[in-house]
Amino acid sequence: MAPIPHPPTEPQDDPETYVGLDAGEAERRAQTRGWSTVRALPPGAIITMEYRAGRLNFEVKDGQVVRAWKG
């Protein structure tokens, strides 16, 4: 029987704290707080909706984070 997978634990970090930050600063901060993947997206970007533990998504408009969410 195959072993049960154990997804990585996510940082205890509130994505809302990134809203309003400069995109570069937000990405650096997220990486230092333990996010394994940080993805910056333009408003309205078409993305897949699969959930990836350890990933933090930013919607960036004019160089500033306007929305942030896990997965």
C-alpha atoms as a PDB file:
ATOM      1  CA  MET A   1       0.000   0.000   0.000  1.00  0.00           C
ATOM      2  CA  ALA A   2       1.260   3.485  -0.861  1.00  0.00           C
ATOM      3  CA  PRO A   3       2.076   5.860   1.979  1.00  0.00           C
ATOM      4  CA  ILE A   4      -0.396   8.603   2.816  1.00  0.00           C
ATOM      5  CA  PRO A   5       0.873  11.932   1.419  1.00  0.00           C
ATOM      6  CA  HIS A   6       1.486  14.746   3.870  1.00  0.00           C
ATOM      7  CA  PRO A   7       1.241  18.187   2.261  1.00  0.00           C
ATOM      8  CA  PRO A   8       3.700  20.790   3.538  1.00  0.00           C
ATOM      9  CA  THR A   9       2.482  23.047   6.295  1.00  0.00           C
ATOM     10  CA  GLU A  10       1.694  26.607   5.307  1.00  0.00           C
ATOM     11  CA  PRO A  11       3.079  29.637   7.093  1.00  0.00           C
ATOM     12  CA  GLN A  12       0.801  31.090   9.751  1.00  0.00           C
ATOM     13  CA  ASP A  13       0.478  34.295   7.769  1.00  0.00           C
ATOM     14  CA  ASP A  14      -2.585  36.349   6.823  1.00  0.00           C
ATOM     15  CA  PRO A  15      -2.645  37.112   3.076  1.00  0.00           C
ATOM     16  CA  GLU A  16      -4.508  40.370   3.762  1.00  0.00           C
ATOM     17  CA  THR A  17      -1.330  41.846   5.291  1.00  0.00           C
ATOM     18  CA  TYR A  18       0.174  42.019   1.776  1.00  0.00           C
ATOM     19  CA  VAL A  19      -2.594  44.149   0.250  1.00  0.00           C
ATOM     20  CA  GLY A  20      -1.332  47.658  -0.438  1.00  0.00           C
ATOM     21  CA  LEU A  21       2.354  46.704  -0.511  1.00  0.00           C
ATOM     22  CA  ASP A  22       4.696  47.192  -3.448  1.00  0.00           C
ATOM     23  CA  ALA A  23       4.735  43.885  -5.382  1.00  0.00           C
ATOM     24  CA  GLY A  24       8.494  43.382  -4.995  1.00  0.00           C
ATOM     25  CA  GLU A  25       8.407  44.041  -1.257  1.00  0.00           C
ATOM     26  CA  ALA A  26       5.394  41.734  -0.843  1.00  0.00           C
ATOM     27  CA  GLU A  27       7.198  38.905  -2.657  1.00  0.00           C
ATOM     28  CA  ARG A  28      10.352  39.309  -0.542  1.00  0.00           C
ATOM     29  CA  ARG A  29       8.298  39.396   2.658  1.00  0.00           C
ATOM     30  CA  ALA A  30       6.322  36.284   1.660  1.00  0.00           C
ATOM     31  CA  GLN A  31       9.496  34.328   0.929  1.00  0.00           C
ATOM     32  CA  THR A  32      11.053  35.267   4.281  1.00  0.00           C
ATOM     33  CA  ARG A  33       7.849  34.165   6.027  1.00  0.00           C
ATOM     34  CA  GLY A  34       8.135  30.697   4.499  1.00  0.00           C
ATOM     35  CA  TRP A  35       5.943  30.652   1.390  1.00  0.00           C
ATOM     36  CA  SER A  36       7.498  28.172  -1.036  1.00  0.00           C
ATOM     37  CA  THR A  37       5.883  29.737  -4.120  1.00  0.00           C
ATOM     38  CA  VAL A  38       4.779  33.326  -4.697  1.00  0.00           C
ATOM     39  CA  ARG A  39       2.799  34.104  -7.832  1.00  0.00           C
ATOM     40  CA  ALA A  40       2.120  37.680  -9.022  1.00  0.00           C
ATOM     41  CA  LEU A  41      -0.746  38.033 -11.493  1.00  0.00           C
ATOM     42  CA  PRO A  42      -2.274  40.942 -13.401  1.00  0.00           C
ATOM     43  CA  PRO A  43      -5.957  41.747 -12.762  1.00  0.00           C
ATOM     44  CA  GLY A  44      -8.269  39.396 -14.628  1.00  0.00           C
ATOM     45  CA  ALA A  45      -5.562  36.811 -15.371  1.00  0.00           C
ATOM     46  CA  ILE A  46      -6.849  33.386 -16.334  1.00  0.00           C
ATOM     47  CA  ILE A  47      -5.362  30.821 -13.955  1.00  0.00           C
ATOM     48  CA  THR A  48      -5.954  27.238 -12.960  1.00  0.00           C
ATOM     49  CA  MET A  49      -7.818  26.840  -9.695  1.00  0.00           C
ATOM     50  CA  GLU A  50      -5.976  23.862  -8.213  1.00  0.00           C
ATOM     51  CA  TYR A  51      -4.895  24.399  -4.630  1.00  0.00           C
ATOM     52  CA  ARG A  52      -1.166  24.176  -3.907  1.00  0.00           C
ATOM     53  CA  ALA A  53      -0.124  24.194  -0.277  1.00  0.00           C
ATOM     54  CA  GLY A  54       2.611  26.725   0.338  1.00  0.00           C
ATOM     55  CA  ARG A  55       1.675  29.008  -2.574  1.00  0.00           C
ATOM     56  CA  LEU A  56       0.688  32.647  -2.110  1.00  0.00           C
ATOM     57  CA  ASN A  57      -0.984  34.495  -4.990  1.00  0.00           C
ATOM     58  CA  PHE A  58      -0.938  38.249  -5.537  1.00  0.00           C
ATOM     59  CA  GLU A  59      -3.093  40.255  -7.904  1.00  0.00           C
ATOM     60  CA  VAL A  60      -0.894  43.201  -8.860  1.00  0.00           C
ATOM     61  CA  LYS A  61      -2.103  46.454 -10.423  1.00  0.00           C
ATOM     62  CA  ASP A  62       0.293  49.340 -11.146  1.00  0.00           C
ATOM     63  CA  GLY A  63       3.016  47.628  -9.112  1.00  0.00           C
ATOM     64  CA  GLN A  64       0.880  47.286  -5.981  1.00  0.00           C
ATOM     65  CA  VAL A  65      -0.790  44.218  -4.461  1.00  0.00           C
ATOM     66  CA  VAL A  66      -4.567  44.697  -4.608  1.00  0.00           C
ATOM     67  CA  ARG A  67      -5.562  41.155  -3.580  1.00  0.00           C
ATOM     68  CA  ALA A  68      -3.779  38.195  -1.979  1.00  0.00           C
ATOM     69  CA  TRP A  69      -4.876  34.594  -1.362  1.00  0.00           C
ATOM     70  CA  LYS A  70      -3.476  31.168  -0.509  1.00  0.00           C
ATOM     71  CA  GLY A  71      -3.223  28.285  -2.902  1.00  0.00           C
END
